[in-house]
Amino acid sequence: MLKKAAALFLVCASMATWIGCGSTSSKYLYAAIPASNQIVIFREDPNSGVLTQLAGSPVTAGQAVQALALHPSGKFLYAANSGEGDVSQYNISSSGTLTEVTPRTPVGVSPQLLAMDSAGAFLYVGNSGSFSISVFSISSSTGLLAPVPGSPFPMGVSPINMALSPSGGFLFVTGGGSLGTSGNVQAFSVSQGVPSLVLGSPFSTGTNPYGLAIAPGGSFLYTGNNFDNSISEFTVNVDGSLTQLASSPFGTQYSGPVALQIDKSGKYLYVANQASTNLAGYSIGSDGSLIVLSTSPFGTAANPSTIAIDSAGKYLFVGNQKGPVVQSFSVDSGSGTLTSIASYGVPGTPTSIVAQP
């Protein structure tokens, strides 16, 4: 009996780095590659942050697959296919592989954004070509989508980015803006998936607010303003309206912020600066204001375009235009410092990365 136990311990110790033992198990990471109409699947080692591409990956997706969303159950993946105006549903096996459920669900013109509430009850699709948001209820058992009454909902502008508050009660959509003209954030209260404009909306922000992130507690919202090279900081009020902080917009010394990611603890904000080829890191104050980390910036492969973080908050992943590659970084929870782990080649620029919960 002791020999068997010892043998099992040795097997676990030698295999933990790729399949895990006890309470440790592998997770999966998915990256949308619109140029090749594919989704790349990686297995994430939860002990090291190392990624391994699955056999059979990448898989064929819809035309110009642009955005991905994972159901909190980890059983379903949704993909917005901007080149054909629909959304694909995939069932996820225990080994991370994808099986598409057909037919695909029609939405608006050029769907490029997806957002889902934390309960996995509703999926929101941002249609940049038809200036609208399509909303669907999600079957908890099958993952199938059903349009909510009134969908799609007109936005008046082409949505650039979109995010839900952690409670799912508010939807925020960035849009508008050109060189010399400010963009804005439209705020909507949400009931049973139906959005209603919040009083005072839209709220002005910087030009071309490509980046958008909401703190885990739901109290603060940030936009990365691509043309202004700045970050706008907002307090989210109880009615979903936004109040810009006195320190906002926060000017940066880096160019082309396009993606924002807040760590799971809500202590740090990371910004992908496409033109500066780096990630900037900031600590988040109790009032939502930002302070540059002393170890920032963190170098990336050329032209970072999208960011994701794993469910444990230990590893951060970046998709880069040049290479093109996906990079993994470890996150120091005490200081916010990022340490590069490795880079992994992909067939084209990743526009969306999601990590299995």
Protein backbone atom coordinates (compact mmCIF):
# COMPACT_ATOMS: atom_id res chain seq x y z
CA MET A 1 0.00 0.00 0.00
CA LEU A 2 2.82 2.39 0.90
CA LYS A 3 4.58 1.55 -2.36
CA LYS A 4 1.42 2.34 -4.33
CA ALA A 5 1.00 5.64 -2.50
CA ALA A 6 4.63 6.55 -3.14
CA ALA A 7 4.29 5.66 -6.80
CA LEU A 8 1.19 7.81 -7.11
CA PHE A 9 3.00 10.73 -5.48
CA LEU A 10 5.88 10.43 -7.95
CA VAL A 11 3.49 10.29 -10.91
CA CYS A 12 1.69 13.39 -9.66
CA ALA A 13 4.92 15.26 -9.05
CA SER A 14 6.22 14.50 -12.53
CA MET A 15 2.94 15.26 -14.33
CA ALA A 16 1.73 18.28 -12.35
CA THR A 17 3.26 20.73 -14.76
CA TRP A 18 0.88 19.70 -17.53
CA ILE A 19 -2.21 17.96 -16.17
CA GLY A 20 -2.09 18.74 -12.46
CA CYS A 21 -2.91 16.57 -9.44
CA GLY A 22 -5.32 16.94 -6.59
CA SER A 23 -7.13 20.26 -6.86
CA THR A 24 -4.88 21.53 -9.69
CA SER A 25 -6.15 21.03 -13.24
CA SER A 26 -5.48 22.46 -16.67
CA LYS A 27 -7.53 25.30 -18.11
CA TYR A 28 -7.96 26.33 -21.74
CA LEU A 29 -7.35 29.53 -23.63
CA TYR A 30 -9.02 30.53 -26.91
CA ALA A 31 -7.82 33.16 -29.41
CA ALA A 32 -9.77 34.54 -32.40
CA ILE A 33 -7.76 34.95 -35.62
CA PRO A 34 -9.94 36.84 -38.16
CA ALA A 35 -7.38 36.85 -40.98
CA SER A 36 -7.44 33.04 -41.18
CA ASN A 37 -11.06 32.49 -39.98
CA GLN A 38 -9.79 30.34 -37.13
CA ILE A 39 -9.81 29.89 -33.36
CA VAL A 40 -6.58 28.74 -31.71
CA ILE A 41 -6.89 26.54 -28.61
CA PHE A 42 -4.22 26.34 -25.90
CA ARG A 43 -4.02 24.30 -22.72
CA GLU A 44 -2.82 26.47 -19.83
CA ASP A 45 -0.63 24.92 -17.16
CA PRO A 46 -2.03 26.48 -13.96
CA ASN A 47 1.29 25.96 -12.17
CA SER A 48 3.52 27.77 -14.68
CA GLY A 49 1.36 29.73 -17.11
CA VAL A 50 2.91 27.80 -20.00
CA LEU A 51 0.62 27.29 -22.98
CA THR A 52 0.47 24.19 -25.18
CA GLN A 53 -1.51 24.25 -28.42
CA LEU A 54 -3.98 21.38 -28.62
CA ALA A 55 -3.80 18.75 -31.34
CA GLY A 56 -6.29 19.74 -34.04
CA SER A 57 -5.90 23.43 -33.25
CA PRO A 58 -6.56 25.88 -34.80
CA VAL A 59 -10.16 25.06 -35.68
CA THR A 60 -12.16 26.57 -38.54
CA ALA A 61 -14.45 29.42 -37.48
CA GLY A 62 -16.81 31.83 -39.22
CA GLN A 63 -15.66 34.45 -41.68
CA ALA A 64 -13.47 37.11 -40.00
CA VAL A 65 -14.15 35.79 -36.49
CA GLN A 66 -13.55 38.85 -34.36
CA ALA A 67 -14.65 38.42 -30.74
CA LEU A 68 -15.07 35.58 -28.26
CA ALA A 69 -17.08 35.11 -25.05
CA LEU A 70 -16.94 32.18 -22.64
CA HIS A 71 -19.91 31.01 -20.60
CA PRO A 72 -19.14 30.98 -16.84
CA SER A 73 -19.94 27.25 -16.76
CA GLY A 74 -16.96 26.70 -19.08
CA LYS A 75 -19.19 24.60 -21.35
CA PHE A 76 -19.93 27.07 -24.16
CA LEU A 77 -17.91 29.45 -26.32
CA TYR A 78 -19.46 32.13 -28.53
CA ALA A 79 -17.77 33.79 -31.51
CA ALA A 80 -18.81 36.92 -33.41
CA ASN A 81 -18.15 36.48 -37.13
CA SER A 82 -17.82 40.03 -38.44
CA GLY A 83 -17.52 38.96 -42.08
CA GLU A 84 -20.88 37.18 -42.23
CA GLY A 85 -23.09 38.91 -39.64
CA ASP A 86 -23.68 36.02 -37.25
CA VAL A 87 -22.58 34.37 -34.00
CA SER A 88 -21.30 30.81 -33.64
CA GLN A 89 -21.86 28.65 -30.56
CA TYR A 90 -19.33 25.95 -29.66
CA ASN A 91 -19.70 23.23 -27.04
CA ILE A 92 -16.49 22.74 -25.04
CA SER A 93 -15.40 19.21 -24.13
CA SER A 94 -13.60 18.31 -20.91
CA SER A 95 -10.36 18.26 -22.94
CA GLY A 96 -10.94 21.80 -24.24
CA THR A 97 -11.87 20.88 -27.81
CA LEU A 98 -14.65 22.73 -29.65
CA THR A 99 -17.70 21.39 -31.47
CA GLU A 100 -19.78 23.95 -33.34
CA VAL A 101 -23.55 23.96 -32.89
CA THR A 102 -25.36 24.85 -36.11
CA PRO A 103 -27.01 26.81 -37.57
CA ARG A 104 -25.24 30.04 -36.66
CA THR A 105 -27.33 32.85 -35.15
CA PRO A 106 -27.90 35.92 -37.37
CA VAL A 107 -27.18 39.32 -35.80
CA GLY A 108 -26.48 42.78 -37.27
CA VAL A 109 -23.90 44.01 -39.76
CA SER A 110 -20.24 43.43 -38.83
CA PRO A 111 -20.55 42.10 -35.27
CA GLN A 112 -17.22 42.85 -33.57
CA LEU A 113 -17.97 42.84 -29.83
CA LEU A 114 -19.35 40.33 -27.33
CA ALA A 115 -20.21 40.73 -23.66
CA MET A 116 -21.87 38.35 -21.20
CA ASP A 117 -23.19 38.85 -17.68
CA SER A 118 -21.46 36.97 -14.86
CA ALA A 119 -24.46 34.61 -14.46
CA GLY A 120 -24.24 33.57 -18.11
CA ALA A 121 -27.89 34.51 -18.68
CA PHE A 122 -27.52 37.03 -21.53
CA LEU A 123 -25.17 37.59 -24.47
CA TYR A 124 -24.73 41.08 -25.95
CA VAL A 125 -23.42 41.54 -29.50
CA GLY A 126 -22.06 44.87 -30.72
CA ASN A 127 -22.78 45.37 -34.44
CA SER A 128 -20.40 48.05 -35.67
CA GLY A 129 -21.81 48.10 -39.20
CA SER A 130 -25.47 48.56 -38.22
CA PHE A 131 -24.89 50.74 -35.13
CA SER A 132 -26.80 48.37 -32.88
CA ILE A 133 -26.63 45.85 -30.02
CA SER A 134 -28.23 42.41 -30.39
CA VAL A 135 -29.19 40.73 -27.12
CA PHE A 136 -29.91 37.02 -26.53
CA SER A 137 -30.96 34.96 -23.54
CA ILE A 138 -28.80 31.86 -23.04
CA SER A 139 -30.15 28.40 -22.19
CA SER A 140 -28.24 27.19 -19.14
CA SER A 141 -28.56 23.56 -20.26
CA THR A 142 -27.83 23.77 -23.99
CA GLY A 143 -26.23 27.20 -24.44
CA LEU A 144 -28.66 27.99 -27.26
CA LEU A 145 -29.44 31.66 -27.94
CA ALA A 146 -32.90 33.26 -28.12
CA PRO A 147 -33.34 36.96 -29.00
CA VAL A 148 -34.84 39.12 -26.26
CA PRO A 149 -37.90 41.22 -27.22
CA GLY A 150 -36.91 44.37 -29.10
CA SER A 151 -33.51 43.12 -30.18
CA PRO A 152 -31.48 44.50 -31.92
CA PHE A 153 -31.37 47.86 -30.10
CA PRO A 154 -30.16 50.96 -31.99
CA MET A 155 -27.08 52.73 -30.57
CA GLY A 156 -26.86 55.79 -32.81
CA VAL A 157 -23.10 55.29 -33.12
CA SER A 158 -20.85 52.44 -34.16
CA PRO A 159 -19.82 50.64 -30.93
CA ILE A 160 -16.05 50.53 -30.40
CA ASN A 161 -16.00 48.56 -27.15
CA MET A 162 -18.54 47.15 -24.72
CA ALA A 163 -18.57 45.87 -21.13
CA LEU A 164 -21.07 44.90 -18.45
CA SER A 165 -20.85 45.88 -14.81
CA PRO A 166 -19.99 42.92 -12.52
CA SER A 167 -23.59 42.86 -11.29
CA GLY A 168 -24.88 42.72 -14.87
CA GLY A 169 -27.14 45.68 -14.14
CA PHE A 170 -25.42 48.15 -16.45
CA LEU A 171 -24.04 48.00 -19.97
CA PHE A 172 -21.37 50.46 -21.10
CA VAL A 173 -20.59 51.08 -24.77
CA THR A 174 -17.82 53.32 -26.12
CA GLY A 175 -18.11 55.02 -29.46
CA GLY A 176 -17.57 58.08 -31.57
CA GLY A 177 -14.62 60.35 -31.81
CA SER A 178 -12.08 61.18 -34.47
CA LEU A 179 -8.88 63.19 -34.43
CA GLY A 180 -9.71 66.38 -32.54
CA THR A 181 -13.18 65.16 -31.52
CA SER A 182 -13.96 63.47 -28.21
CA GLY A 183 -15.54 60.05 -27.95
CA ASN A 184 -18.11 58.99 -25.39
CA VAL A 185 -19.41 56.23 -23.17
CA GLN A 186 -23.09 55.33 -23.43
CA ALA A 187 -24.48 53.85 -20.21
CA PHE A 188 -27.56 51.63 -20.11
CA SER A 189 -29.43 50.07 -17.22
CA VAL A 190 -30.30 46.47 -18.07
CA SER A 191 -33.41 44.50 -17.08
CA GLN A 192 -33.89 40.98 -18.49
CA GLY A 193 -31.34 41.85 -21.14
CA VAL A 194 -33.19 44.95 -22.34
CA PRO A 195 -31.01 48.11 -22.23
CA SER A 196 -32.44 51.53 -21.26
CA LEU A 197 -30.36 54.69 -21.56
CA VAL A 198 -29.13 56.07 -18.23
CA LEU A 199 -29.99 59.70 -17.46
CA GLY A 200 -27.18 62.00 -18.59
CA SER A 201 -25.77 59.48 -21.06
CA PRO A 202 -23.59 59.64 -23.12
CA PHE A 203 -20.57 60.70 -21.06
CA SER A 204 -17.60 62.35 -22.77
CA THR A 205 -14.25 60.63 -22.84
CA GLY A 206 -11.12 60.76 -25.01
CA THR A 207 -10.80 60.29 -28.74
CA ASN A 208 -11.36 56.76 -30.06
CA PRO A 209 -11.86 54.98 -26.72
CA TYR A 210 -10.81 51.50 -27.89
CA GLY A 211 -9.91 50.26 -24.42
CA LEU A 212 -12.60 49.70 -21.78
CA ALA A 213 -12.40 48.10 -18.33
CA ILE A 214 -14.55 48.03 -15.19
CA ALA A 215 -13.10 47.31 -11.74
CA PRO A 216 -14.24 44.00 -10.17
CA GLY A 217 -16.25 45.86 -7.53
CA GLY A 218 -18.03 47.86 -10.23
CA SER A 219 -17.12 51.25 -8.73
CA PHE A 220 -14.68 52.47 -11.38
CA LEU A 221 -14.56 52.51 -15.18
CA TYR A 222 -11.63 53.32 -17.46
CA THR A 223 -11.27 54.00 -21.17
CA GLY A 224 -8.06 53.81 -23.18
CA ASN A 225 -8.15 56.70 -25.64
CA ASN A 226 -6.18 55.64 -28.69
CA PHE A 227 -5.73 58.99 -30.45
CA ASP A 228 -5.16 60.99 -27.24
CA ASN A 229 -2.64 58.59 -25.69
CA SER A 230 -4.59 58.92 -22.45
CA ILE A 231 -6.75 56.99 -19.99
CA SER A 232 -10.03 58.43 -18.74
CA GLU A 233 -11.00 57.56 -15.15
CA PHE A 234 -14.64 57.46 -13.98
CA THR A 235 -16.58 56.68 -10.84
CA VAL A 236 -19.66 54.52 -11.58
CA ASN A 237 -22.60 55.90 -9.61
CA VAL A 238 -25.42 53.75 -8.20
CA ASP A 239 -27.70 54.67 -11.11
CA GLY A 240 -25.04 53.71 -13.69
CA SER A 241 -24.13 57.30 -14.54
CA LEU A 242 -20.44 58.24 -14.73
CA THR A 243 -18.49 60.96 -12.97
CA GLN A 244 -15.03 61.73 -14.31
CA LEU A 245 -12.28 61.92 -11.67
CA ALA A 246 -10.42 65.19 -11.13
CA SER A 247 -7.21 63.49 -12.29
CA SER A 248 -8.83 62.40 -15.57
CA PRO A 249 -7.84 62.10 -18.32
CA PHE A 250 -4.61 60.51 -17.20
CA GLY A 251 -2.00 61.34 -19.86
CA THR A 252 0.56 58.66 -20.62
CA GLN A 253 3.99 58.75 -22.21
CA TYR A 254 3.08 55.79 -24.42
CA SER A 255 1.29 55.73 -27.75
CA GLY A 256 -1.83 53.98 -29.00
CA PRO A 257 -3.60 52.44 -25.97
CA VAL A 258 -6.01 49.87 -27.42
CA ALA A 259 -6.83 47.36 -24.68
CA LEU A 260 -7.25 47.49 -20.89
CA GLN A 261 -7.25 44.70 -18.29
CA ILE A 262 -7.79 44.94 -14.53
CA ASP A 263 -6.40 42.11 -12.40
CA LYS A 264 -8.76 39.91 -10.36
CA SER A 265 -7.99 41.73 -7.10
CA GLY A 266 -8.88 45.10 -8.61
CA LYS A 267 -5.51 46.55 -7.54
CA TYR A 268 -3.83 46.89 -10.94
CA LEU A 269 -4.69 48.12 -14.42
CA TYR A 270 -2.70 47.01 -17.48
CA VAL A 271 -2.76 48.88 -20.78
CA ALA A 272 -1.68 47.52 -24.17
CA ASN A 273 0.06 50.39 -25.99
CA GLN A 274 0.05 49.28 -29.60
CA ALA A 275 2.31 51.95 -31.05
CA SER A 276 4.80 51.79 -28.14
CA THR A 277 4.97 47.97 -28.16
CA ASN A 278 4.55 47.57 -24.41
CA LEU A 279 2.18 47.04 -21.52
CA ALA A 280 1.92 49.84 -18.97
CA GLY A 281 0.98 48.93 -15.40
CA TYR A 282 -0.83 51.11 -12.87
CA SER A 283 -1.97 50.67 -9.30
CA ILE A 284 -5.58 51.68 -8.64
CA GLY A 285 -6.14 53.97 -5.64
CA SER A 286 -9.09 53.75 -3.29
CA ASP A 287 -10.64 56.68 -5.18
CA GLY A 288 -10.04 55.02 -8.57
CA SER A 289 -7.07 57.21 -9.51
CA LEU A 290 -4.08 55.63 -11.24
CA ILE A 291 -0.41 55.57 -10.23
CA VAL A 292 2.28 54.22 -12.57
CA LEU A 293 4.02 51.10 -11.24
CA SER A 294 7.73 51.60 -10.65
CA THR A 295 8.48 48.49 -12.73
CA SER A 296 6.32 49.63 -15.68
CA PRO A 297 6.35 49.36 -18.69
CA PHE A 298 6.65 45.71 -19.62
CA GLY A 299 7.97 44.83 -23.07
CA THR A 300 5.91 42.80 -25.52
CA ALA A 301 6.26 41.50 -29.03
CA ALA A 302 5.38 44.16 -31.61
CA ASN A 303 1.99 45.89 -31.52
CA PRO A 304 -0.02 44.31 -28.67
CA SER A 305 -3.72 44.28 -29.52
CA THR A 306 -5.67 42.37 -26.87
CA ILE A 307 -5.26 41.26 -23.22
CA ALA A 308 -6.79 38.52 -21.04
CA ILE A 309 -6.16 37.17 -17.57
CA ASP A 310 -6.72 33.66 -16.22
CA SER A 311 -9.40 32.80 -13.69
CA ALA A 312 -6.94 32.62 -10.79
CA GLY A 313 -5.42 35.99 -11.69
CA LYS A 314 -1.91 34.50 -11.76
CA TYR A 315 -1.18 34.83 -15.48
CA LEU A 316 -1.84 37.47 -18.09
CA PHE A 317 -1.97 36.83 -21.85
CA VAL A 318 -1.34 39.29 -24.67
CA GLY A 319 -2.08 38.97 -28.39
CA ASN A 320 0.37 40.77 -30.68
CA GLN A 321 -0.01 41.88 -34.30
CA LYS A 322 3.59 41.27 -35.29
CA GLY A 323 4.96 37.77 -35.16
CA PRO A 324 2.07 37.20 -34.73
CA VAL A 325 2.23 35.71 -31.24
CA VAL A 326 0.39 35.20 -27.98
CA GLN A 327 2.55 35.92 -24.94
CA SER A 328 2.11 34.73 -21.37
CA PHE A 329 3.20 36.69 -18.29
CA SER A 330 3.13 35.89 -14.59
CA VAL A 331 1.48 38.49 -12.33
CA ASP A 332 3.07 39.38 -8.99
CA SER A 333 0.04 39.91 -6.76
CA GLY A 334 2.06 41.97 -4.29
CA SER A 335 3.61 44.49 -6.68
CA GLY A 336 1.69 44.12 -9.95
CA THR A 337 4.92 43.39 -11.80
CA LEU A 338 4.65 41.25 -14.95
CA THR A 339 7.32 38.71 -15.87
CA SER A 340 7.40 37.27 -19.37
CA ILE A 341 7.06 33.48 -19.55
CA ALA A 342 7.01 32.59 -23.26
CA SER A 343 5.63 33.47 -26.70
CA TYR A 344 3.54 31.22 -28.95
CA GLY A 345 3.07 31.61 -32.69
CA VAL A 346 -0.44 31.91 -34.16
CA PRO A 347 -1.72 32.10 -37.78
CA GLY A 348 -2.58 35.82 -37.64
CA THR A 349 -3.28 38.78 -35.36
CA PRO A 350 -5.41 37.75 -32.33
CA THR A 351 -8.30 40.17 -31.86
CA SER A 352 -9.82 38.47 -28.82
CA ILE A 353 -8.46 36.10 -26.14
CA VAL A 354 -10.57 34.43 -23.46
CA ALA A 355 -9.47 32.16 -20.62
CA GLN A 356 -11.66 29.35 -19.28
CA PRO A 357 -13.16 30.14 -15.86
